[in-house]
Amino acid sequence: MSAQLIPIYDTTAPALDSYARRIDYLRISLTDRCNMRCVYCMPATGMQFMLKPELLTSEELLLVVRAAVAAGFRKVRLTGGEPSLRPDLVELVRAIKQAGIAHIAMTTNALSLQRQAQALKDAGLDRVNISIDSLDPQKFRQLTRGGSLEKVWAGIHQAEAVGLRPLKLNAVIVRGLNDDEVVQLAELTLHNPWEMRFIEVMPLTGVANVAEDGVVATAELIAQIEAVHGPMDDLGLAAADSARRYRIPGARGKLGFISAVTDPFCASCNRMRLTADGRLHLCLLRDDEVDLRAAIRRGASQREIEQIVRHAVALKPWGHGLPDGVLPTLRGMSALGG
């Protein structure tokens, strides 16, 4: 997309989409590669990863971040694939914070977090979300196709020790694989001030067969937990948060339920996604994208990139097309960062 072919947007106000939602949260995929192969994220074989020249360089990525800050973005989440595979991760965190982003979070599988946590905290990382889909080491290896639950626990404890809080743990629940562990996972909040988040499996490219029969609705998860612990306290949906939150009576931590398939939260969406190859992906479950990399490599200035970012925000759809049978086909979860 050429900066000359888009409208000129007011640069004195934060970016709003056409539904008057303030879009101020950018999820940045640093790489489409991962050191695990989770069954709900990647197929076991046949993955085709981006070549290095296709990826945004760190300088290009920071140009986008500065343009996004100028457009009113205040929060960044670093994702992948697995963001810890980016060799200059600590330097990027420091530079993103210096660019004016108020809050930086990261979603990680935590395999490397025990050794990285302190450096990331010192560089300006505020907190982490950590994936933990099973508490059984053998089942964890099966779900992740080789991941180490021991390393994940080490990463969780180190993140807490260095102050990457509040700590949020993510579990994608897939029927027949780990839906029998929902209560055990929820009980992690009884004695820990964590938020355990249950995420519905999504029908993205490469794993649509898993999602077709694997979705477990939030109502079913809540029923499982309440059958053991009684009625939970409903903490509601925080502004611009994707998780509806509950608390087991007397628990130190909270539960969050992210129900993009059965109970969408599109009305409060405030996010955009930057793919590792430099596209702004307008909605997780749609294929609409705006190409920033091409503009950057043509020599576009920060101000021109800001205008393209604002245009992408204006093009953002109301919500995903799942109720109408529209399925995304362009990218898998590892290329989008969730």
C-alpha atoms as a PDB file:
ATOM      1  CA  MET A   1       0.000   0.000   0.000  1.00  0.00           C
ATOM      2  CA  SER A   2       1.371   3.393  -0.943  1.00  0.00           C
ATOM      3  CA  ALA A   3       1.212   6.224   1.545  1.00  0.00           C
ATOM      4  CA  GLN A   4       0.033   8.444  -1.372  1.00  0.00           C
ATOM      5  CA  LEU A   5      -3.088   6.354  -1.895  1.00  0.00           C
ATOM      6  CA  ILE A   6      -4.500   6.591   1.633  1.00  0.00           C
ATOM      7  CA  PRO A   7      -6.406   9.436   3.314  1.00  0.00           C
ATOM      8  CA  ILE A   8      -4.536  11.911   5.464  1.00  0.00           C
ATOM      9  CA  TYR A   9      -5.355  11.286   9.116  1.00  0.00           C
ATOM     10  CA  ASP A  10      -5.258  13.714  12.020  1.00  0.00           C
ATOM     11  CA  THR A  11      -2.014  13.152  13.899  1.00  0.00           C
ATOM     12  CA  THR A  12      -3.052  15.134  16.980  1.00  0.00           C
ATOM     13  CA  ALA A  13      -5.463  12.511  18.371  1.00  0.00           C
ATOM     14  CA  PRO A  14      -5.171   8.806  19.260  1.00  0.00           C
ATOM     15  CA  ALA A  15      -6.154   6.384  16.495  1.00  0.00           C
ATOM     16  CA  LEU A  16      -9.797   5.318  16.496  1.00  0.00           C
ATOM     17  CA  ASP A  17     -11.315   2.707  14.223  1.00  0.00           C
ATOM     18  CA  SER A  18     -14.551   3.263  12.308  1.00  0.00           C
ATOM     19  CA  TYR A  19     -16.531   1.955  15.315  1.00  0.00           C
ATOM     20  CA  ALA A  20     -14.989   4.568  17.664  1.00  0.00           C
ATOM     21  CA  ARG A  21     -12.855   1.980  19.468  1.00  0.00           C
ATOM     22  CA  ARG A  22      -9.503   3.353  20.605  1.00  0.00           C
ATOM     23  CA  ILE A  23      -6.831   1.014  19.247  1.00  0.00           C
ATOM     24  CA  ASP A  24      -3.780   1.339  21.470  1.00  0.00           C
ATOM     25  CA  TYR A  25      -2.412  -2.188  21.930  1.00  0.00           C
ATOM     26  CA  LEU A  26       0.062  -3.704  19.449  1.00  0.00           C
ATOM     27  CA  ARG A  27       0.939  -7.384  19.547  1.00  0.00           C
ATOM     28  CA  ILE A  28       4.289  -7.865  17.819  1.00  0.00           C
ATOM     29  CA  SER A  29       5.323 -11.257  16.460  1.00  0.00           C
ATOM     30  CA  LEU A  30       9.136 -11.321  16.611  1.00  0.00           C
ATOM     31  CA  THR A  31       9.433 -14.635  14.767  1.00  0.00           C
ATOM     32  CA  ASP A  32       7.212 -17.376  13.403  1.00  0.00           C
ATOM     33  CA  ARG A  33       9.582 -20.042  14.723  1.00  0.00           C
ATOM     34  CA  CYS A  34       9.173 -21.929  17.962  1.00  0.00           C
ATOM     35  CA  ASN A  35      11.074 -24.536  19.959  1.00  0.00           C
ATOM     36  CA  MET A  36       7.842 -26.449  20.606  1.00  0.00           C
ATOM     37  CA  ARG A  37       5.135 -27.768  18.261  1.00  0.00           C
ATOM     38  CA  CYS A  38       1.905 -27.473  20.256  1.00  0.00           C
ATOM     39  CA  VAL A  39      -0.921 -29.462  18.720  1.00  0.00           C
ATOM     40  CA  TYR A  40      -3.306 -26.466  18.661  1.00  0.00           C
ATOM     41  CA  CYS A  41      -0.710 -24.157  17.089  1.00  0.00           C
ATOM     42  CA  MET A  42       1.367 -26.049  14.507  1.00  0.00           C
ATOM     43  CA  PRO A  43       1.036 -29.248  12.499  1.00  0.00           C
ATOM     44  CA  ALA A  44       3.557 -31.939  13.427  1.00  0.00           C
ATOM     45  CA  THR A  45       5.262 -31.727  10.032  1.00  0.00           C
ATOM     46  CA  GLY A  46       5.249 -29.566   6.933  1.00  0.00           C
ATOM     47  CA  MET A  47       5.737 -26.144   8.530  1.00  0.00           C
ATOM     48  CA  GLN A  48       7.239 -23.571   6.174  1.00  0.00           C
ATOM     49  CA  PHE A  49       8.910 -20.791   8.133  1.00  0.00           C
ATOM     50  CA  MET A  50       9.731 -17.317   6.885  1.00  0.00           C
ATOM     51  CA  LEU A  51      13.183 -16.695   5.477  1.00  0.00           C
ATOM     52  CA  LYS A  52      15.353 -14.155   7.294  1.00  0.00           C
ATOM     53  CA  PRO A  53      15.113 -11.493   4.527  1.00  0.00           C
ATOM     54  CA  GLU A  54      11.316 -11.604   4.874  1.00  0.00           C
ATOM     55  CA  LEU A  55      11.410 -10.659   8.560  1.00  0.00           C
ATOM     56  CA  LEU A  56      11.485  -7.094   9.792  1.00  0.00           C
ATOM     57  CA  THR A  57      14.926  -6.121  10.999  1.00  0.00           C
ATOM     58  CA  SER A  58      15.159  -4.677  14.485  1.00  0.00           C
ATOM     59  CA  GLU A  59      15.618  -1.194  13.011  1.00  0.00           C
ATOM     60  CA  GLU A  60      12.493  -1.623  10.873  1.00  0.00           C
ATOM     61  CA  LEU A  61      10.494  -2.974  13.797  1.00  0.00           C
ATOM     62  CA  LEU A  62      11.456  -0.017  15.964  1.00  0.00           C
ATOM     63  CA  LEU A  63      10.401   2.377  13.189  1.00  0.00           C
ATOM     64  CA  VAL A  64       6.943   0.779  13.327  1.00  0.00           C
ATOM     65  CA  VAL A  65       6.886   1.041  17.129  1.00  0.00           C
ATOM     66  CA  ARG A  66       7.761   4.757  17.046  1.00  0.00           C
ATOM     67  CA  ALA A  67       5.063   5.344  14.426  1.00  0.00           C
ATOM     68  CA  ALA A  68       2.567   3.403  16.552  1.00  0.00           C
ATOM     69  CA  VAL A  69       3.458   5.501  19.608  1.00  0.00           C
ATOM     70  CA  ALA A  70       2.802   8.645  17.544  1.00  0.00           C
ATOM     71  CA  ALA A  71      -0.599   7.150  16.625  1.00  0.00           C
ATOM     72  CA  GLY A  72      -1.469   6.695  20.297  1.00  0.00           C
ATOM     73  CA  PHE A  73      -0.450   3.101  20.970  1.00  0.00           C
ATOM     74  CA  ARG A  74       0.483   2.638  24.636  1.00  0.00           C
ATOM     75  CA  LYS A  75       0.924  -1.100  25.132  1.00  0.00           C
ATOM     76  CA  VAL A  76       3.004  -3.738  23.350  1.00  0.00           C
ATOM     77  CA  ARG A  77       2.976  -7.503  23.719  1.00  0.00           C
ATOM     78  CA  LEU A  78       5.892  -9.457  22.289  1.00  0.00           C
ATOM     79  CA  THR A  79       4.887 -12.801  20.838  1.00  0.00           C
ATOM     80  CA  GLY A  80       6.059 -15.325  18.265  1.00  0.00           C
ATOM     81  CA  GLY A  81       6.217 -18.168  17.540  1.00  0.00           C
ATOM     82  CA  GLU A  82       8.428 -18.011  20.589  1.00  0.00           C
ATOM     83  CA  PRO A  83       9.808 -14.492  21.155  1.00  0.00           C
ATOM     84  CA  SER A  84      12.751 -15.690  23.248  1.00  0.00           C
ATOM     85  CA  LEU A  85      14.273 -17.123  20.051  1.00  0.00           C
ATOM     86  CA  ARG A  86      14.957 -13.580  18.867  1.00  0.00           C
ATOM     87  CA  PRO A  87      18.667 -13.136  19.676  1.00  0.00           C
ATOM     88  CA  ASP A  88      18.386  -9.403  20.408  1.00  0.00           C
ATOM     89  CA  LEU A  89      15.256  -9.717  22.553  1.00  0.00           C
ATOM     90  CA  VAL A  90      16.657  -7.839  25.560  1.00  0.00           C
ATOM     91  CA  GLU A  91      17.900  -4.955  23.395  1.00  0.00           C
ATOM     92  CA  LEU A  92      14.533  -4.765  21.638  1.00  0.00           C
ATOM     93  CA  VAL A  93      12.665  -4.563  24.939  1.00  0.00           C
ATOM     94  CA  ARG A  94      14.896  -1.714  26.071  1.00  0.00           C
ATOM     95  CA  ALA A  95      14.478   0.167  22.783  1.00  0.00           C
ATOM     96  CA  ILE A  96      10.691  -0.305  22.719  1.00  0.00           C
ATOM     97  CA  LYS A  97      10.413   1.100  26.231  1.00  0.00           C
ATOM     98  CA  GLN A  98      12.613   4.056  25.258  1.00  0.00           C
ATOM     99  CA  ALA A  99      10.366   4.677  22.222  1.00  0.00           C
ATOM    100  CA  GLY A 100       7.562   5.632  24.606  1.00  0.00           C
ATOM    101  CA  ILE A 101       5.562   2.438  25.126  1.00  0.00           C
ATOM    102  CA  ALA A 102       4.154   2.539  28.656  1.00  0.00           C
ATOM    103  CA  HIS A 103       3.641  -1.200  29.167  1.00  0.00           C
ATOM    104  CA  ILE A 104       5.500  -4.130  27.607  1.00  0.00           C
ATOM    105  CA  ALA A 105       4.348  -7.707  28.138  1.00  0.00           C
ATOM    106  CA  MET A 106       5.483 -10.955  26.563  1.00  0.00           C
ATOM    107  CA  THR A 107       3.809 -14.276  25.860  1.00  0.00           C
ATOM    108  CA  THR A 108       6.308 -17.124  26.140  1.00  0.00           C
ATOM    109  CA  ASN A 109       6.585 -20.862  26.580  1.00  0.00           C
ATOM    110  CA  ALA A 110       9.136 -20.072  29.331  1.00  0.00           C
ATOM    111  CA  LEU A 111      11.663 -22.711  28.268  1.00  0.00           C
ATOM    112  CA  SER A 112      14.401 -20.034  28.380  1.00  0.00           C
ATOM    113  CA  LEU A 113      12.843 -17.730  30.942  1.00  0.00           C
ATOM    114  CA  GLN A 114      14.806 -18.903  33.958  1.00  0.00           C
ATOM    115  CA  ARG A 115      18.012 -17.455  32.485  1.00  0.00           C
ATOM    116  CA  GLN A 116      16.431 -14.482  30.680  1.00  0.00           C
ATOM    117  CA  ALA A 117      13.969 -13.130  33.238  1.00  0.00           C
ATOM    118  CA  GLN A 118      16.266 -10.769  35.153  1.00  0.00           C
ATOM    119  CA  ALA A 119      17.790  -9.209  32.038  1.00  0.00           C
ATOM    120  CA  LEU A 120      14.341  -8.705  30.508  1.00  0.00           C
ATOM    121  CA  LYS A 121      13.020  -7.114  33.692  1.00  0.00           C
ATOM    122  CA  ASP A 122      16.025  -4.795  33.841  1.00  0.00           C
ATOM    123  CA  ALA A 123      15.483  -3.807  30.198  1.00  0.00           C
ATOM    124  CA  GLY A 124      11.891  -2.746  30.867  1.00  0.00           C
ATOM    125  CA  LEU A 125       9.673  -5.811  30.435  1.00  0.00           C
ATOM    126  CA  ASP A 126       6.702  -5.403  32.780  1.00  0.00           C
ATOM    127  CA  ARG A 127       5.188  -8.865  32.886  1.00  0.00           C
ATOM    128  CA  VAL A 128       4.748 -12.201  31.123  1.00  0.00           C
ATOM    129  CA  ASN A 129       2.046 -14.652  30.115  1.00  0.00           C
ATOM    130  CA  ILE A 130       3.308 -18.238  30.245  1.00  0.00           C
ATOM    131  CA  SER A 131       1.787 -21.201  28.441  1.00  0.00           C
ATOM    132  CA  ILE A 132       1.135 -24.272  30.569  1.00  0.00           C
ATOM    133  CA  ASP A 133      -1.424 -26.635  29.069  1.00  0.00           C
ATOM    134  CA  SER A 134      -0.960 -29.585  31.400  1.00  0.00           C
ATOM    135  CA  LEU A 135       0.439 -30.326  34.849  1.00  0.00           C
ATOM    136  CA  ASP A 136       1.398 -33.847  33.862  1.00  0.00           C
ATOM    137  CA  PRO A 137       4.959 -33.989  32.435  1.00  0.00           C
ATOM    138  CA  GLN A 138       4.185 -36.795  29.977  1.00  0.00           C
ATOM    139  CA  LYS A 139       0.983 -35.183  28.718  1.00  0.00           C
ATOM    140  CA  PHE A 140       2.779 -31.835  28.493  1.00  0.00           C
ATOM    141  CA  ARG A 141       5.397 -33.411  26.221  1.00  0.00           C
ATOM    142  CA  GLN A 142       2.588 -34.897  24.123  1.00  0.00           C
ATOM    143  CA  LEU A 143       0.675 -31.616  23.779  1.00  0.00           C
ATOM    144  CA  THR A 144       3.795 -29.587  23.011  1.00  0.00           C
ATOM    145  CA  ARG A 145       5.562 -32.339  21.057  1.00  0.00           C
ATOM    146  CA  GLY A 146       8.673 -32.269  23.187  1.00  0.00           C
ATOM    147  CA  GLY A 147       8.393 -29.434  25.713  1.00  0.00           C
ATOM    148  CA  SER A 148       9.783 -29.686  29.247  1.00  0.00           C
ATOM    149  CA  LEU A 149       7.328 -28.958  32.055  1.00  0.00           C
ATOM    150  CA  GLU A 150      10.263 -28.766  34.479  1.00  0.00           C
ATOM    151  CA  LYS A 151      11.783 -25.852  32.512  1.00  0.00           C
ATOM    152  CA  VAL A 152       8.411 -24.109  32.353  1.00  0.00           C
ATOM    153  CA  TRP A 153       8.008 -24.293  36.141  1.00  0.00           C
ATOM    154  CA  ALA A 154      11.542 -22.951  36.578  1.00  0.00           C
ATOM    155  CA  GLY A 155      10.647 -20.052  34.296  1.00  0.00           C
ATOM    156  CA  ILE A 156       7.421 -19.347  36.188  1.00  0.00           C
ATOM    157  CA  HIS A 157       9.181 -19.177  39.542  1.00  0.00           C
ATOM    158  CA  GLN A 158      12.006 -17.017  38.177  1.00  0.00           C
ATOM    159  CA  ALA A 159       9.553 -14.599  36.553  1.00  0.00           C
ATOM    160  CA  GLU A 160       7.785 -14.205  39.868  1.00  0.00           C
ATOM    161  CA  ALA A 161      11.070 -13.786  41.732  1.00  0.00           C
ATOM    162  CA  VAL A 162      12.317 -10.919  39.537  1.00  0.00           C
ATOM    163  CA  GLY A 163       8.980  -9.083  39.591  1.00  0.00           C
ATOM    164  CA  LEU A 164       7.437  -9.840  36.196  1.00  0.00           C
ATOM    165  CA  ARG A 165       3.988  -9.534  37.728  1.00  0.00           C
ATOM    166  CA  PRO A 166       1.039  -9.933  37.738  1.00  0.00           C
ATOM    167  CA  LEU A 167       1.810 -13.372  36.404  1.00  0.00           C
ATOM    168  CA  LYS A 168      -0.683 -14.896  33.992  1.00  0.00           C
ATOM    169  CA  LEU A 169      -0.680 -18.542  32.935  1.00  0.00           C
ATOM    170  CA  ASN A 170      -2.348 -19.643  29.700  1.00  0.00           C
ATOM    171  CA  ALA A 171      -3.890 -23.018  28.940  1.00  0.00           C
ATOM    172  CA  VAL A 172      -5.502 -23.799  25.603  1.00  0.00           C
ATOM    173  CA  ILE A 173      -8.120 -26.423  26.386  1.00  0.00           C
ATOM    174  CA  VAL A 174      -8.692 -29.102  23.749  1.00  0.00           C
ATOM    175  CA  ARG A 175     -11.397 -31.703  24.203  1.00  0.00           C
ATOM    176  CA  GLY A 176      -9.967 -35.165  24.666  1.00  0.00           C
ATOM    177  CA  LEU A 177      -6.448 -33.886  25.342  1.00  0.00           C
ATOM    178  CA  ASN A 178      -6.394 -31.763  28.495  1.00  0.00           C
ATOM    179  CA  ASP A 179     -10.018 -30.938  29.360  1.00  0.00           C
ATOM    180  CA  ASP A 180      -9.729 -33.405  32.243  1.00  0.00           C
ATOM    181  CA  GLU A 181      -7.174 -31.108  33.936  1.00  0.00           C
ATOM    182  CA  VAL A 182      -9.265 -27.951  34.106  1.00  0.00           C
ATOM    183  CA  VAL A 183      -9.953 -28.202  37.834  1.00  0.00           C
ATOM    184  CA  GLN A 184      -6.291 -28.929  38.660  1.00  0.00           C
ATOM    185  CA  LEU A 185      -5.134 -25.966  36.586  1.00  0.00           C
ATOM    186  CA  ALA A 186      -7.735 -23.722  38.219  1.00  0.00           C
ATOM    187  CA  GLU A 187      -6.511 -24.801  41.653  1.00  0.00           C
ATOM    188  CA  LEU A 188      -3.128 -23.213  40.945  1.00  0.00           C
ATOM    189  CA  THR A 189      -4.855 -19.976  41.965  1.00  0.00           C
ATOM    190  CA  LEU A 190      -5.851 -21.223  45.410  1.00  0.00           C
ATOM    191  CA  HIS A 191      -2.482 -20.440  46.977  1.00  0.00           C
ATOM    192  CA  ASN A 192      -0.776 -18.324  44.279  1.00  0.00           C
ATOM    193  CA  PRO A 193      -1.619 -14.730  43.254  1.00  0.00           C
ATOM    194  CA  TRP A 194      -1.668 -15.733  39.589  1.00  0.00           C
ATOM    195  CA  GLU A 195      -4.323 -15.492  36.909  1.00  0.00           C
ATOM    196  CA  MET A 196      -4.966 -18.840  35.256  1.00  0.00           C
ATOM    197  CA  ARG A 197      -6.438 -18.205  31.813  1.00  0.00           C
ATOM    198  CA  PHE A 198      -8.359 -20.814  29.831  1.00  0.00           C
ATOM    199  CA  ILE A 199      -8.364 -20.225  26.073  1.00  0.00           C
ATOM    200  CA  GLU A 200     -10.644 -21.808  23.503  1.00  0.00           C
ATOM    201  CA  VAL A 201      -8.779 -23.519  20.672  1.00  0.00           C
ATOM    202  CA  MET A 202      -9.089 -21.462  17.481  1.00  0.00           C
ATOM    203  CA  PRO A 203      -9.589 -22.659  13.876  1.00  0.00           C
ATOM    204  CA  LEU A 204      -6.418 -21.267  12.339  1.00  0.00           C
ATOM    205  CA  THR A 205      -4.440 -22.560   9.386  1.00  0.00           C
ATOM    206  CA  GLY A 206      -2.685 -25.883   9.984  1.00  0.00           C
ATOM    207  CA  VAL A 207      -4.732 -26.901  13.029  1.00  0.00           C
ATOM    208  CA  ALA A 208      -8.332 -26.456  11.881  1.00  0.00           C
ATOM    209  CA  ASN A 209      -8.873 -30.202  12.303  1.00  0.00           C
ATOM    210  CA  VAL A 210      -7.918 -29.935  15.988  1.00  0.00           C
ATOM    211  CA  ALA A 211     -10.251 -26.992  16.496  1.00  0.00           C
ATOM    212  CA  GLU A 212     -13.194 -28.548  14.662  1.00  0.00           C
ATOM    213  CA  ASP A 213     -13.942 -31.044  17.426  1.00  0.00           C
ATOM    214  CA  GLY A 214     -11.722 -29.619  20.146  1.00  0.00           C
ATOM    215  CA  VAL A 215     -13.525 -26.481  21.347  1.00  0.00           C
ATOM    216  CA  VAL A 216     -14.667 -26.690  24.968  1.00  0.00           C
ATOM    217  CA  ALA A 217     -17.053 -23.829  25.748  1.00  0.00           C
ATOM    218  CA  THR A 218     -16.354 -21.584  28.720  1.00  0.00           C
ATOM    219  CA  ALA A 219     -19.671 -22.529  30.326  1.00  0.00           C
ATOM    220  CA  GLU A 220     -18.535 -26.140  30.443  1.00  0.00           C
ATOM    221  CA  LEU A 221     -15.203 -25.209  32.032  1.00  0.00           C
ATOM    222  CA  ILE A 222     -16.900 -23.096  34.680  1.00  0.00           C
ATOM    223  CA  ALA A 223     -19.332 -25.922  35.433  1.00  0.00           C
ATOM    224  CA  GLN A 224     -16.413 -28.322  35.999  1.00  0.00           C
ATOM    225  CA  ILE A 225     -14.735 -25.962  38.459  1.00  0.00           C
ATOM    226  CA  GLU A 226     -17.931 -25.048  40.314  1.00  0.00           C
ATOM    227  CA  ALA A 227     -18.845 -28.733  40.680  1.00  0.00           C
ATOM    228  CA  VAL A 228     -15.789 -29.023  42.933  1.00  0.00           C
ATOM    229  CA  HIS A 229     -15.447 -25.558  44.486  1.00  0.00           C
ATOM    230  CA  GLY A 230     -18.981 -24.179  44.443  1.00  0.00           C
ATOM    231  CA  PRO A 231     -20.187 -20.940  42.811  1.00  0.00           C
ATOM    232  CA  MET A 232     -17.338 -18.635  41.853  1.00  0.00           C
ATOM    233  CA  ASP A 233     -17.171 -14.878  42.301  1.00  0.00           C
ATOM    234  CA  ASP A 234     -17.829 -13.175  38.955  1.00  0.00           C
ATOM    235  CA  LEU A 235     -15.255 -10.392  38.578  1.00  0.00           C
ATOM    236  CA  GLY A 236     -16.572  -9.309  35.192  1.00  0.00           C
ATOM    237  CA  LEU A 237     -14.807  -8.244  32.026  1.00  0.00           C
ATOM    238  CA  ALA A 238     -12.226  -5.523  32.503  1.00  0.00           C
ATOM    239  CA  ALA A 239     -12.154  -2.760  29.910  1.00  0.00           C
ATOM    240  CA  ALA A 240     -10.397  -3.890  26.717  1.00  0.00           C
ATOM    241  CA  ASP A 241      -9.527  -7.255  28.266  1.00  0.00           C
ATOM    242  CA  SER A 242     -10.206 -10.462  26.381  1.00  0.00           C
ATOM    243  CA  ALA A 243     -10.732 -12.543  29.532  1.00  0.00           C
ATOM    244  CA  ARG A 244     -13.861 -12.761  31.627  1.00  0.00           C
ATOM    245  CA  ARG A 245     -12.583 -13.153  35.170  1.00  0.00           C
ATOM    246  CA  TYR A 246     -13.746 -15.238  38.123  1.00  0.00           C
ATOM    247  CA  ARG A 247     -12.365 -16.233  41.503  1.00  0.00           C
ATOM    248  CA  ILE A 248     -12.752 -19.471  43.417  1.00  0.00           C
ATOM    249  CA  PRO A 249     -14.008 -18.419  46.877  1.00  0.00           C
ATOM    250  CA  GLY A 250     -11.042 -17.771  49.144  1.00  0.00           C
ATOM    251  CA  ALA A 251      -8.443 -18.148  46.375  1.00  0.00           C
ATOM    252  CA  ARG A 252      -5.461 -15.774  46.195  1.00  0.00           C
ATOM    253  CA  GLY A 253      -5.506 -15.675  42.403  1.00  0.00           C
ATOM    254  CA  LYS A 254      -8.074 -15.318  39.621  1.00  0.00           C
ATOM    255  CA  LEU A 255      -9.337 -17.283  36.657  1.00  0.00           C
ATOM    256  CA  GLY A 256      -9.771 -15.843  33.181  1.00  0.00           C
ATOM    257  CA  PHE A 257     -11.777 -17.326  30.320  1.00  0.00           C
ATOM    258  CA  ILE A 258     -10.997 -16.263  26.742  1.00  0.00           C
ATOM    259  CA  SER A 259     -13.881 -17.365  24.540  1.00  0.00           C
ATOM    260  CA  ALA A 260     -13.150 -16.016  21.078  1.00  0.00           C
ATOM    261  CA  VAL A 261     -15.168 -18.777  19.424  1.00  0.00           C
ATOM    262  CA  THR A 262     -18.270 -19.223  21.616  1.00  0.00           C
ATOM    263  CA  ASP A 263     -18.516 -15.785  23.268  1.00  0.00           C
ATOM    264  CA  PRO A 264     -16.570 -13.160  21.297  1.00  0.00           C
ATOM    265  CA  PHE A 265     -15.358  -9.923  22.886  1.00  0.00           C
ATOM    266  CA  CYS A 266     -15.089  -7.927  19.650  1.00  0.00           C
ATOM    267  CA  ALA A 267     -16.949  -4.899  21.026  1.00  0.00           C
ATOM    268  CA  SER A 268     -14.101  -4.110  23.415  1.00  0.00           C
ATOM    269  CA  CYS A 269     -11.210  -5.045  21.111  1.00  0.00           C
ATOM    270  CA  ASN A 270      -8.361  -2.521  21.228  1.00  0.00           C
ATOM    271  CA  ARG A 271      -5.595  -4.411  19.465  1.00  0.00           C
ATOM    272  CA  MET A 272      -3.706  -4.804  16.231  1.00  0.00           C
ATOM    273  CA  ARG A 273      -1.130  -7.431  15.334  1.00  0.00           C
ATOM    274  CA  LEU A 274       2.199  -6.891  13.597  1.00  0.00           C
ATOM    275  CA  THR A 275       3.413 -10.062  11.903  1.00  0.00           C
ATOM    276  CA  ALA A 276       7.095 -10.929  11.855  1.00  0.00           C
ATOM    277  CA  ASP A 277       7.209 -10.085   8.148  1.00  0.00           C
ATOM    278  CA  GLY A 278       5.793  -6.622   8.669  1.00  0.00           C
ATOM    279  CA  ARG A 279       2.051  -6.819   8.037  1.00  0.00           C
ATOM    280  CA  LEU A 280      -0.559  -5.275  10.278  1.00  0.00           C
ATOM    281  CA  HIS A 281      -3.081  -8.064  10.771  1.00  0.00           C
ATOM    282  CA  LEU A 282      -6.405  -6.383  11.482  1.00  0.00           C
ATOM    283  CA  CYS A 283      -8.248  -9.208  13.289  1.00  0.00           C
ATOM    284  CA  LEU A 284      -6.877 -12.492  14.607  1.00  0.00           C
ATOM    285  CA  LEU A 285      -9.571 -14.576  12.900  1.00  0.00           C
ATOM    286  CA  ARG A 286      -9.662 -12.735   9.551  1.00  0.00           C
ATOM    287  CA  ASP A 287      -7.147 -12.522   6.735  1.00  0.00           C
ATOM    288  CA  ASP A 288      -7.215  -8.717   6.299  1.00  0.00           C
ATOM    289  CA  GLU A 289      -3.712  -7.214   6.380  1.00  0.00           C
ATOM    290  CA  VAL A 290      -1.888  -3.964   5.571  1.00  0.00           C
ATOM    291  CA  ASP A 291       1.714  -4.187   4.403  1.00  0.00           C
ATOM    292  CA  LEU A 292       4.156  -1.982   6.305  1.00  0.00           C
ATOM    293  CA  ARG A 293       7.341  -3.729   5.213  1.00  0.00           C
ATOM    294  CA  ALA A 294       6.955  -2.714   1.585  1.00  0.00           C
ATOM    295  CA  ALA A 295       6.521   0.930   2.557  1.00  0.00           C
ATOM    296  CA  ILE A 296       9.489   0.818   4.917  1.00  0.00           C
ATOM    297  CA  ARG A 297      11.733  -0.717   2.269  1.00  0.00           C
ATOM    298  CA  ARG A 298      10.661   1.938  -0.220  1.00  0.00           C
ATOM    299  CA  GLY A 299      12.082   4.458   2.235  1.00  0.00           C
ATOM    300  CA  ALA A 300       8.887   5.690   3.933  1.00  0.00           C
ATOM    301  CA  SER A 301       9.416   8.104   6.800  1.00  0.00           C
ATOM    302  CA  GLN A 302       8.118   7.587  10.331  1.00  0.00           C
ATOM    303  CA  ARG A 303       5.326  10.071   9.614  1.00  0.00           C
ATOM    304  CA  GLU A 304       4.294   8.117   6.515  1.00  0.00           C
ATOM    305  CA  ILE A 305       4.344   4.855   8.444  1.00  0.00           C
ATOM    306  CA  GLU A 306       2.191   6.497  11.109  1.00  0.00           C
ATOM    307  CA  GLN A 307      -0.363   7.404   8.437  1.00  0.00           C
ATOM    308  CA  ILE A 308      -0.441   3.793   7.224  1.00  0.00           C
ATOM    309  CA  VAL A 309      -0.876   2.578  10.815  1.00  0.00           C
ATOM    310  CA  ARG A 310      -3.780   4.984  11.270  1.00  0.00           C
ATOM    311  CA  HIS A 311      -5.290   3.787   7.985  1.00  0.00           C
ATOM    312  CA  ALA A 312      -5.013   0.168   9.110  1.00  0.00           C
ATOM    313  CA  VAL A 313      -6.818   1.096  12.325  1.00  0.00           C
ATOM    314  CA  ALA A 314      -9.576   2.743  10.270  1.00  0.00           C
ATOM    315  CA  LEU A 315      -9.931  -0.473   8.229  1.00  0.00           C
ATOM    316  CA  LYS A 316     -10.192  -2.733  11.276  1.00  0.00           C
ATOM    317  CA  PRO A 317     -13.340  -4.900  11.017  1.00  0.00           C
ATOM    318  CA  TRP A 318     -15.956  -5.025  13.752  1.00  0.00           C
ATOM    319  CA  GLY A 319     -15.211  -8.649  14.534  1.00  0.00           C
ATOM    320  CA  HIS A 320     -14.295 -12.045  13.198  1.00  0.00           C
ATOM    321  CA  GLY A 321     -16.369 -13.962  10.686  1.00  0.00           C
ATOM    322  CA  LEU A 322     -16.808 -17.267  12.492  1.00  0.00           C
ATOM    323  CA  PRO A 323     -20.580 -16.853  13.035  1.00  0.00           C
ATOM    324  CA  ASP A 324     -20.911 -16.482   9.250  1.00  0.00           C
ATOM    325  CA  GLY A 325     -18.704 -19.469   8.504  1.00  0.00           C
ATOM    326  CA  VAL A 326     -15.707 -17.364   7.437  1.00  0.00           C
ATOM    327  CA  LEU A 327     -12.471 -19.137   8.361  1.00  0.00           C
ATOM    328  CA  PRO A 328      -8.996 -17.577   8.156  1.00  0.00           C
ATOM    329  CA  THR A 329      -6.702 -19.257   5.641  1.00  0.00           C
ATOM    330  CA  LEU A 330      -3.659 -16.998   5.366  1.00  0.00           C
ATOM    331  CA  ARG A 331      -1.660 -17.611   8.551  1.00  0.00           C
ATOM    332  CA  GLY A 332      -1.373 -20.032  11.425  1.00  0.00           C
ATOM    333  CA  MET A 333      -1.118 -19.082  15.089  1.00  0.00           C
ATOM    334  CA  SER A 334       2.686 -19.251  15.112  1.00  0.00           C
ATOM    335  CA  ALA A 335       2.812 -16.495  12.475  1.00  0.00           C
ATOM    336  CA  LEU A 336       0.327 -14.269  14.313  1.00  0.00           C
ATOM    337  CA  GLY A 337       1.286 -14.498  17.960  1.00  0.00           C
ATOM    338  CA  GLY A 338      -2.270 -14.975  19.197  1.00  0.00           C
END
